[in-house]
Amino acid sequence: MQTKEYEETPSENFGVLRMRRQVINPNSYVGGIFTSRLGMNGEQNFAYGLDGIFRLFGDDYLNVKGAQSYDKTIGNETGIFGSHRF
């Protein structure tokens, strides 16, 4: 999505991509998401996440999620795993 410049707020471009796929059995999935925000003034923000739901047996499931973000104004000073959640 592209936004228009308004007063002091610059034009921005937003993007989202989500994918999900069935694996192993009919009740198990893996997926991922990627989002972006690009400002025409040079500001950038990116985020991605990976997730999985795995049916182990019966009614027992393993649910796994991870996400990380990057913002140009803040930077990623603590390394590749600095701004993440599992």
PDB file of N, CA and C in Angstrom:
ATOM      1  N   MET A   1       0.849  -1.150   0.000  1.00  0.00           N
ATOM      2  CA  MET A   1       0.000   0.000   0.000  1.00  0.00           C
ATOM      3  C   MET A   1       0.907   1.228   0.000  1.00  0.00           C
ATOM      4  N   GLN A   2       0.586   2.184  -0.804  1.00  0.00           N
ATOM      5  CA  GLN A   2       1.347   3.425  -0.871  1.00  0.00           C
ATOM      6  C   GLN A   2       0.488   4.547  -0.298  1.00  0.00           C
ATOM      7  N   THR A   3       1.056   5.330   0.618  1.00  0.00           N
ATOM      8  CA  THR A   3       0.327   6.480   1.171  1.00  0.00           C
ATOM      9  C   THR A   3       0.855   7.759   0.552  1.00  0.00           C
ATOM     10  N   LYS A   4       0.043   8.782   0.596  1.00  0.00           N
ATOM     11  CA  LYS A   4       0.400  10.076   0.038  1.00  0.00           C
ATOM     12  C   LYS A   4       0.992  10.963   1.134  1.00  0.00           C
ATOM     13  N   GLU A   5       1.905  11.818   0.741  1.00  0.00           N
ATOM     14  CA  GLU A   5       2.477  12.783   1.671  1.00  0.00           C
ATOM     15  C   GLU A   5       1.367  13.691   2.200  1.00  0.00           C
ATOM     16  N   TYR A   6       1.413  13.989   3.509  1.00  0.00           N
ATOM     17  CA  TYR A   6       0.416  14.870   4.117  1.00  0.00           C
ATOM     18  C   TYR A   6       1.125  15.800   5.080  1.00  0.00           C
ATOM     19  N   GLU A   7       1.075  17.081   4.801  1.00  0.00           N
ATOM     20  CA  GLU A   7       1.749  18.119   5.586  1.00  0.00           C
ATOM     21  C   GLU A   7       3.208  17.738   5.824  1.00  0.00           C
ATOM     22  N   GLU A   8       3.647  17.506   7.083  1.00  0.00           N
ATOM     23  CA  GLU A   8       5.042  17.150   7.351  1.00  0.00           C
ATOM     24  C   GLU A   8       5.287  15.633   7.310  1.00  0.00           C
ATOM     25  N   THR A   9       4.240  14.841   7.155  1.00  0.00           N
ATOM     26  CA  THR A   9       4.376  13.389   7.109  1.00  0.00           C
ATOM     27  C   THR A   9       4.710  12.939   5.689  1.00  0.00           C
ATOM     28  N   PRO A  10       5.858  12.257   5.517  1.00  0.00           N
ATOM     29  CA  PRO A  10       6.248  11.849   4.162  1.00  0.00           C
ATOM     30  C   PRO A  10       5.400  10.683   3.644  1.00  0.00           C
ATOM     31  N   SER A  11       5.446  10.482   2.362  1.00  0.00           N
ATOM     32  CA  SER A  11       4.803   9.338   1.728  1.00  0.00           C
ATOM     33  C   SER A  11       5.479   8.060   2.225  1.00  0.00           C
ATOM     34  N   GLU A  12       4.690   6.975   2.379  1.00  0.00           N
ATOM     35  CA  GLU A  12       5.240   5.714   2.843  1.00  0.00           C
ATOM     36  C   GLU A  12       4.680   4.561   2.017  1.00  0.00           C
ATOM     37  N   ASN A  13       5.437   3.461   2.017  1.00  0.00           N
ATOM     38  CA  ASN A  13       5.032   2.249   1.327  1.00  0.00           C
ATOM     39  C   ASN A  13       5.005   1.123   2.343  1.00  0.00           C
ATOM     40  N   PHE A  14       3.875   0.398   2.422  1.00  0.00           N
ATOM     41  CA  PHE A  14       3.706  -0.700   3.357  1.00  0.00           C
ATOM     42  C   PHE A  14       3.506  -2.009   2.589  1.00  0.00           C
ATOM     43  N   GLY A  15       4.109  -3.091   3.067  1.00  0.00           N
ATOM     44  CA  GLY A  15       3.941  -4.387   2.415  1.00  0.00           C
ATOM     45  C   GLY A  15       3.794  -5.501   3.438  1.00  0.00           C
ATOM     46  N   VAL A  16       3.002  -6.517   3.089  1.00  0.00           N
ATOM     47  CA  VAL A  16       2.795  -7.684   3.951  1.00  0.00           C
ATOM     48  C   VAL A  16       2.745  -8.931   3.076  1.00  0.00           C
ATOM     49  N   LEU A  17       3.461  -9.969   3.487  1.00  0.00           N
ATOM     50  CA  LEU A  17       3.415 -11.259   2.807  1.00  0.00           C
ATOM     51  C   LEU A  17       3.268 -12.339   3.878  1.00  0.00           C
ATOM     52  N   ARG A  18       2.250 -13.201   3.757  1.00  0.00           N
ATOM     53  CA  ARG A  18       2.022 -14.300   4.696  1.00  0.00           C
ATOM     54  C   ARG A  18       1.863 -15.584   3.906  1.00  0.00           C
ATOM     55  N   MET A  19       2.576 -16.614   4.317  1.00  0.00           N
ATOM     56  CA  MET A  19       2.465 -17.922   3.664  1.00  0.00           C
ATOM     57  C   MET A  19       2.309 -18.987   4.748  1.00  0.00           C
ATOM     58  N   ARG A  20       1.542 -20.029   4.418  1.00  0.00           N
ATOM     59  CA  ARG A  20       1.329 -21.138   5.352  1.00  0.00           C
ATOM     60  C   ARG A  20       1.188 -22.417   4.543  1.00  0.00           C
ATOM     61  N   ARG A  21       1.799 -23.507   5.040  1.00  0.00           N
ATOM     62  CA  ARG A  21       1.773 -24.763   4.292  1.00  0.00           C
ATOM     63  C   ARG A  21       1.576 -25.941   5.242  1.00  0.00           C
ATOM     64  N   GLN A  22       0.754 -26.874   4.810  1.00  0.00           N
ATOM     65  CA  GLN A  22       0.522 -28.104   5.563  1.00  0.00           C
ATOM     66  C   GLN A  22       1.744 -29.004   5.425  1.00  0.00           C
ATOM     67  N   VAL A  23       2.182 -29.597   6.544  1.00  0.00           N
ATOM     68  CA  VAL A  23       3.329 -30.516   6.538  1.00  0.00           C
ATOM     69  C   VAL A  23       3.024 -31.738   7.395  1.00  0.00           C
ATOM     70  N   ILE A  24       3.736 -32.782   7.191  1.00  0.00           N
ATOM     71  CA  ILE A  24       3.723 -34.026   7.966  1.00  0.00           C
ATOM     72  C   ILE A  24       2.360 -34.720   7.976  1.00  0.00           C
ATOM     73  N   ASN A  25       1.315 -34.053   8.495  1.00  0.00           N
ATOM     74  CA  ASN A  25      -0.023 -34.645   8.562  1.00  0.00           C
ATOM     75  C   ASN A  25      -1.068 -33.540   8.340  1.00  0.00           C
ATOM     76  N   PRO A  26      -2.335 -33.883   8.189  1.00  0.00           N
ATOM     77  CA  PRO A  26      -3.362 -32.865   7.881  1.00  0.00           C
ATOM     78  C   PRO A  26      -3.567 -31.806   8.968  1.00  0.00           C
ATOM     79  N   ASN A  27      -3.033 -32.021  10.173  1.00  0.00           N
ATOM     80  CA  ASN A  27      -3.225 -31.069  11.265  1.00  0.00           C
ATOM     81  C   ASN A  27      -1.955 -30.325  11.656  1.00  0.00           C
ATOM     82  N   SER A  28      -0.937 -30.359  10.813  1.00  0.00           N
ATOM     83  CA  SER A  28       0.333 -29.692  11.108  1.00  0.00           C
ATOM     84  C   SER A  28       0.665 -28.691  10.010  1.00  0.00           C
ATOM     85  N   TYR A  29       1.147 -27.522  10.426  1.00  0.00           N
ATOM     86  CA  TYR A  29       1.427 -26.434   9.491  1.00  0.00           C
ATOM     87  C   TYR A  29       2.715 -25.710   9.862  1.00  0.00           C
ATOM     88  N   VAL A  30       3.375 -25.153   8.865  1.00  0.00           N
ATOM     89  CA  VAL A  30       4.457 -24.194   9.069  1.00  0.00           C
ATOM     90  C   VAL A  30       4.114 -22.954   8.253  1.00  0.00           C
ATOM     91  N   GLY A  31       4.545 -21.812   8.740  1.00  0.00           N
ATOM     92  CA  GLY A  31       4.223 -20.582   8.032  1.00  0.00           C
ATOM     93  C   GLY A  31       5.231 -19.494   8.329  1.00  0.00           C
ATOM     94  N   GLY A  32       5.085 -18.408   7.602  1.00  0.00           N
ATOM     95  CA  GLY A  32       5.953 -17.265   7.792  1.00  0.00           C
ATOM     96  C   GLY A  32       5.252 -15.990   7.380  1.00  0.00           C
ATOM     97  N   ILE A  33       5.721 -14.872   7.935  1.00  0.00           N
ATOM     98  CA  ILE A  33       5.180 -13.563   7.596  1.00  0.00           C
ATOM     99  C   ILE A  33       6.329 -12.576   7.475  1.00  0.00           C
ATOM    100  N   PHE A  34       6.199 -11.638   6.557  1.00  0.00           N
ATOM    101  CA  PHE A  34       7.179 -10.571   6.369  1.00  0.00           C
ATOM    102  C   PHE A  34       6.415  -9.261   6.189  1.00  0.00           C
ATOM    103  N   THR A  35       6.801  -8.228   6.925  1.00  0.00           N
ATOM    104  CA  THR A  35       6.181  -6.912   6.774  1.00  0.00           C
ATOM    105  C   THR A  35       7.275  -5.874   6.535  1.00  0.00           C
ATOM    106  N   SER A  36       6.931  -4.840   5.783  1.00  0.00           N
ATOM    107  CA  SER A  36       7.894  -3.769   5.521  1.00  0.00           C
ATOM    108  C   SER A  36       7.196  -2.413   5.557  1.00  0.00           C
ATOM    109  N   ARG A  37       7.953  -1.410   5.971  1.00  0.00           N
ATOM    110  CA  ARG A  37       7.494  -0.024   5.966  1.00  0.00           C
ATOM    111  C   ARG A  37       8.662   0.813   5.465  1.00  0.00           C
ATOM    112  N   LEU A  38       8.485   1.438   4.312  1.00  0.00           N
ATOM    113  CA  LEU A  38       9.536   2.246   3.701  1.00  0.00           C
ATOM    114  C   LEU A  38       9.048   3.673   3.565  1.00  0.00           C
ATOM    115  N   GLY A  39       9.692   4.583   4.260  1.00  0.00           N
ATOM    116  CA  GLY A  39       9.342   5.995   4.164  1.00  0.00           C
ATOM    117  C   GLY A  39      10.146   6.669   3.069  1.00  0.00           C
ATOM    118  N   MET A  40       9.545   7.611   2.395  1.00  0.00           N
ATOM    119  CA  MET A  40      10.245   8.335   1.338  1.00  0.00           C
ATOM    120  C   MET A  40      11.304   9.269   1.908  1.00  0.00           C
ATOM    121  N   ASN A  41      11.354   9.408   3.241  1.00  0.00           N
ATOM    122  CA  ASN A  41      12.397  10.209   3.892  1.00  0.00           C
ATOM    123  C   ASN A  41      13.579   9.342   4.327  1.00  0.00           C
ATOM    124  N   GLY A  42      13.590   8.053   3.935  1.00  0.00           N
ATOM    125  CA  GLY A  42      14.701   7.157   4.241  1.00  0.00           C
ATOM    126  C   GLY A  42      14.462   6.239   5.423  1.00  0.00           C
ATOM    127  N   GLU A  43      13.384   6.423   6.172  1.00  0.00           N
ATOM    128  CA  GLU A  43      13.099   5.539   7.295  1.00  0.00           C
ATOM    129  C   GLU A  43      12.676   4.163   6.787  1.00  0.00           C
ATOM    130  N   GLN A  44      13.105   3.119   7.505  1.00  0.00           N
ATOM    131  CA  GLN A  44      12.779   1.748   7.108  1.00  0.00           C
ATOM    132  C   GLN A  44      12.469   0.919   8.344  1.00  0.00           C
ATOM    133  N   ASN A  45      11.530   0.003   8.219  1.00  0.00           N
ATOM    134  CA  ASN A  45      11.212  -0.939   9.272  1.00  0.00           C
ATOM    135  C   ASN A  45      10.820  -2.256   8.617  1.00  0.00           C
ATOM    136  N   PHE A  46      11.442  -3.335   9.071  1.00  0.00           N
ATOM    137  CA  PHE A  46      11.148  -4.666   8.559  1.00  0.00           C
ATOM    138  C   PHE A  46      10.893  -5.598   9.731  1.00  0.00           C
ATOM    139  N   ALA A  47       9.995  -6.548   9.547  1.00  0.00           N
ATOM    140  CA  ALA A  47       9.741  -7.566  10.569  1.00  0.00           C
ATOM    141  C   ALA A  47       9.412  -8.878   9.869  1.00  0.00           C
ATOM    142  N   TYR A  48       9.838  -9.967  10.479  1.00  0.00           N
ATOM    143  CA  TYR A  48       9.475 -11.261   9.937  1.00  0.00           C
ATOM    144  C   TYR A  48       9.207 -12.218  11.091  1.00  0.00           C
ATOM    145  N   GLY A  49       8.439 -13.230  10.800  1.00  0.00           N
ATOM    146  CA  GLY A  49       8.133 -14.231  11.804  1.00  0.00           C
ATOM    147  C   GLY A  49       7.952 -15.591  11.158  1.00  0.00           C
ATOM    148  N   LEU A  50       8.254 -16.620  11.930  1.00  0.00           N
ATOM    149  CA  LEU A  50       8.061 -18.004  11.502  1.00  0.00           C
ATOM    150  C   LEU A  50       7.233 -18.706  12.568  1.00  0.00           C
ATOM    151  N   ASP A  51       6.349 -19.588  12.151  1.00  0.00           N
ATOM    152  CA  ASP A  51       5.527 -20.291  13.121  1.00  0.00           C
ATOM    153  C   ASP A  51       5.230 -21.700  12.637  1.00  0.00           C
ATOM    154  N   GLY A  52       4.910 -22.552  13.588  1.00  0.00           N
ATOM    155  CA  GLY A  52       4.557 -23.921  13.258  1.00  0.00           C
ATOM    156  C   GLY A  52       3.624 -24.507  14.303  1.00  0.00           C
ATOM    157  N   ILE A  53       2.687 -25.293  13.838  1.00  0.00           N
ATOM    158  CA  ILE A  53       1.793 -26.057  14.698  1.00  0.00           C
ATOM    159  C   ILE A  53       1.937 -27.512  14.256  1.00  0.00           C
ATOM    160  N   PHE A  54       2.338 -28.362  15.188  1.00  0.00           N
ATOM    161  CA  PHE A  54       2.591 -29.758  14.854  1.00  0.00           C
ATOM    162  C   PHE A  54       1.755 -30.664  15.753  1.00  0.00           C
ATOM    163  N   ARG A  55       0.916 -31.481  15.137  1.00  0.00           N
ATOM    164  CA  ARG A  55       0.142 -32.457  15.904  1.00  0.00           C
ATOM    165  C   ARG A  55       1.050 -33.648  16.162  1.00  0.00           C
ATOM    166  N   LEU A  56       1.356 -33.889  17.418  1.00  0.00           N
ATOM    167  CA  LEU A  56       2.267 -34.961  17.786  1.00  0.00           C
ATOM    168  C   LEU A  56       1.544 -36.298  17.829  1.00  0.00           C
ATOM    169  N   PHE A  57       0.491 -36.375  18.626  1.00  0.00           N
ATOM    170  CA  PHE A  57      -0.361 -37.566  18.691  1.00  0.00           C
ATOM    171  C   PHE A  57      -1.610 -37.210  19.489  1.00  0.00           C
ATOM    172  N   GLY A  58      -2.726 -37.812  19.117  1.00  0.00           N
ATOM    173  CA  GLY A  58      -3.989 -37.535  19.806  1.00  0.00           C
ATOM    174  C   GLY A  58      -4.330 -36.057  19.773  1.00  0.00           C
ATOM    175  N   ASP A  59      -4.572 -35.490  20.957  1.00  0.00           N
ATOM    176  CA  ASP A  59      -4.876 -34.065  21.073  1.00  0.00           C
ATOM    177  C   ASP A  59      -3.669 -33.252  21.522  1.00  0.00           C
ATOM    178  N   ASP A  60      -2.458 -33.774  21.370  1.00  0.00           N
ATOM    179  CA  ASP A  60      -1.238 -33.078  21.782  1.00  0.00           C
ATOM    180  C   ASP A  60      -0.601 -32.379  20.584  1.00  0.00           C
ATOM    181  N   TYR A  61      -0.357 -31.073  20.764  1.00  0.00           N
ATOM    182  CA  TYR A  61       0.225 -30.246  19.711  1.00  0.00           C
ATOM    183  C   TYR A  61       1.447 -29.522  20.240  1.00  0.00           C
ATOM    184  N   LEU A  62       2.380 -29.265  19.366  1.00  0.00           N
ATOM    185  CA  LEU A  62       3.537 -28.428  19.661  1.00  0.00           C
ATOM    186  C   LEU A  62       3.370 -27.160  18.835  1.00  0.00           C
ATOM    187  N   ASN A  63       3.365 -25.998  19.507  1.00  0.00           N
ATOM    188  CA  ASN A  63       3.170 -24.710  18.854  1.00  0.00           C
ATOM    189  C   ASN A  63       4.463 -23.903  19.004  1.00  0.00           C
ATOM    190  N   VAL A  64       5.104 -23.546  17.896  1.00  0.00           N
ATOM    191  CA  VAL A  64       6.390 -22.855  17.906  1.00  0.00           C
ATOM    192  C   VAL A  64       6.255 -21.547  17.135  1.00  0.00           C
ATOM    193  N   LYS A  65       6.796 -20.448  17.710  1.00  0.00           N
ATOM    194  CA  LYS A  65       6.736 -19.136  17.052  1.00  0.00           C
ATOM    195  C   LYS A  65       8.032 -18.372  17.289  1.00  0.00           C
ATOM    196  N   GLY A  66       8.442 -17.611  16.304  1.00  0.00           N
ATOM    197  CA  GLY A  66       9.601 -16.745  16.441  1.00  0.00           C
ATOM    198  C   GLY A  66       9.434 -15.519  15.568  1.00  0.00           C
ATOM    199  N   ALA A  67       9.944 -14.373  16.026  1.00  0.00           N
ATOM    200  CA  ALA A  67       9.820 -13.132  15.264  1.00  0.00           C
ATOM    201  C   ALA A  67      11.019 -12.237  15.529  1.00  0.00           C
ATOM    202  N   GLN A  68      11.326 -11.405  14.552  1.00  0.00           N
ATOM    203  CA  GLN A  68      12.416 -10.445  14.684  1.00  0.00           C
ATOM    204  C   GLN A  68      12.068  -9.206  13.884  1.00  0.00           C
ATOM    205  N   SER A  69      12.556  -8.055  14.347  1.00  0.00           N
ATOM    206  CA  SER A  69      12.296  -6.807  13.629  1.00  0.00           C
ATOM    207  C   SER A  69      13.590  -6.013  13.484  1.00  0.00           C
ATOM    208  N   TYR A  70      13.565  -5.101  12.532  1.00  0.00           N
ATOM    209  CA  TYR A  70      14.691  -4.188  12.292  1.00  0.00           C
ATOM    210  C   TYR A  70      14.126  -2.825  11.967  1.00  0.00           C
ATOM    211  N   ASP A  71      14.648  -1.794  12.607  1.00  0.00           N
ATOM    212  CA  ASP A  71      14.239  -0.422  12.341  1.00  0.00           C
ATOM    213  C   ASP A  71      15.502   0.397  12.071  1.00  0.00           C
ATOM    214  N   LYS A  72      15.521   1.107  10.959  1.00  0.00           N
ATOM    215  CA  LYS A  72      16.727   1.847  10.568  1.00  0.00           C
ATOM    216  C   LYS A  72      17.088   2.921  11.600  1.00  0.00           C
ATOM    217  N   THR A  73      16.094   3.584  12.194  1.00  0.00           N
ATOM    218  CA  THR A  73      16.389   4.656  13.154  1.00  0.00           C
ATOM    219  C   THR A  73      16.959   4.104  14.460  1.00  0.00           C
ATOM    220  N   ILE A  74      16.569   2.890  14.848  1.00  0.00           N
ATOM    221  CA  ILE A  74      17.083   2.266  16.070  1.00  0.00           C
ATOM    222  C   ILE A  74      18.331   1.460  15.765  1.00  0.00           C
ATOM    223  N   GLY A  75      18.350   0.834  14.602  1.00  0.00           N
ATOM    224  CA  GLY A  75      19.465  -0.017  14.213  1.00  0.00           C
ATOM    225  C   GLY A  75      19.312  -1.399  14.820  1.00  0.00           C
ATOM    226  N   ASN A  76      20.268  -2.234  14.581  1.00  0.00           N
ATOM    227  CA  ASN A  76      20.265  -3.584  15.114  1.00  0.00           C
ATOM    228  C   ASN A  76      21.604  -3.799  15.802  1.00  0.00           C
ATOM    229  N   GLU A  77      21.880  -2.964  16.814  1.00  0.00           N
ATOM    230  CA  GLU A  77      23.196  -2.882  17.431  1.00  0.00           C
ATOM    231  C   GLU A  77      23.601  -4.140  18.183  1.00  0.00           C
ATOM    232  N   THR A  78      22.644  -4.946  18.603  1.00  0.00           N
ATOM    233  CA  THR A  78      22.987  -6.118  19.411  1.00  0.00           C
ATOM    234  C   THR A  78      23.159  -7.369  18.564  1.00  0.00           C
ATOM    235  N   GLY A  79      23.256  -7.250  17.268  1.00  0.00           N
ATOM    236  CA  GLY A  79      23.484  -8.394  16.407  1.00  0.00           C
ATOM    237  C   GLY A  79      22.209  -8.931  15.800  1.00  0.00           C
ATOM    238  N   ILE A  80      22.367  -9.986  15.022  1.00  0.00           N
ATOM    239  CA  ILE A  80      21.246 -10.525  14.277  1.00  0.00           C
ATOM    240  C   ILE A  80      20.122 -11.046  15.171  1.00  0.00           C
ATOM    241  N   PHE A  81      20.443 -11.486  16.393  1.00  0.00           N
ATOM    242  CA  PHE A  81      19.411 -12.014  17.284  1.00  0.00           C
ATOM    243  C   PHE A  81      19.044 -11.013  18.383  1.00  0.00           C
ATOM    244  N   GLY A  82      19.335  -9.742  18.182  1.00  0.00           N
ATOM    245  CA  GLY A  82      19.094  -8.730  19.205  1.00  0.00           C
ATOM    246  C   GLY A  82      17.644  -8.375  19.427  1.00  0.00           C
ATOM    247  N   SER A  83      16.859  -8.290  18.397  1.00  0.00           N
ATOM    248  CA  SER A  83      15.462  -7.870  18.521  1.00  0.00           C
ATOM    249  C   SER A  83      14.537  -8.991  18.089  1.00  0.00           C
ATOM    250  N   HIS A  84      14.466 -10.031  18.902  1.00  0.00           N
ATOM    251  CA  HIS A  84      13.694 -11.212  18.514  1.00  0.00           C
ATOM    252  C   HIS A  84      12.851 -11.721  19.682  1.00  0.00           C
ATOM    253  N   ARG A  85      11.914 -12.592  19.394  1.00  0.00           N
ATOM    254  CA  ARG A  85      11.095 -13.284  20.383  1.00  0.00           C
ATOM    255  C   ARG A  85      10.853 -14.714  19.917  1.00  0.00           C
ATOM    256  N   PHE A  86      10.963 -15.656  20.836  1.00  0.00           N
ATOM    257  CA  PHE A  86      10.642 -17.055  20.552  1.00  0.00           C
ATOM    258  C   PHE A  86       9.596 -17.518  21.529  1.00  0.00           C
TER     259      PHE A  86
END
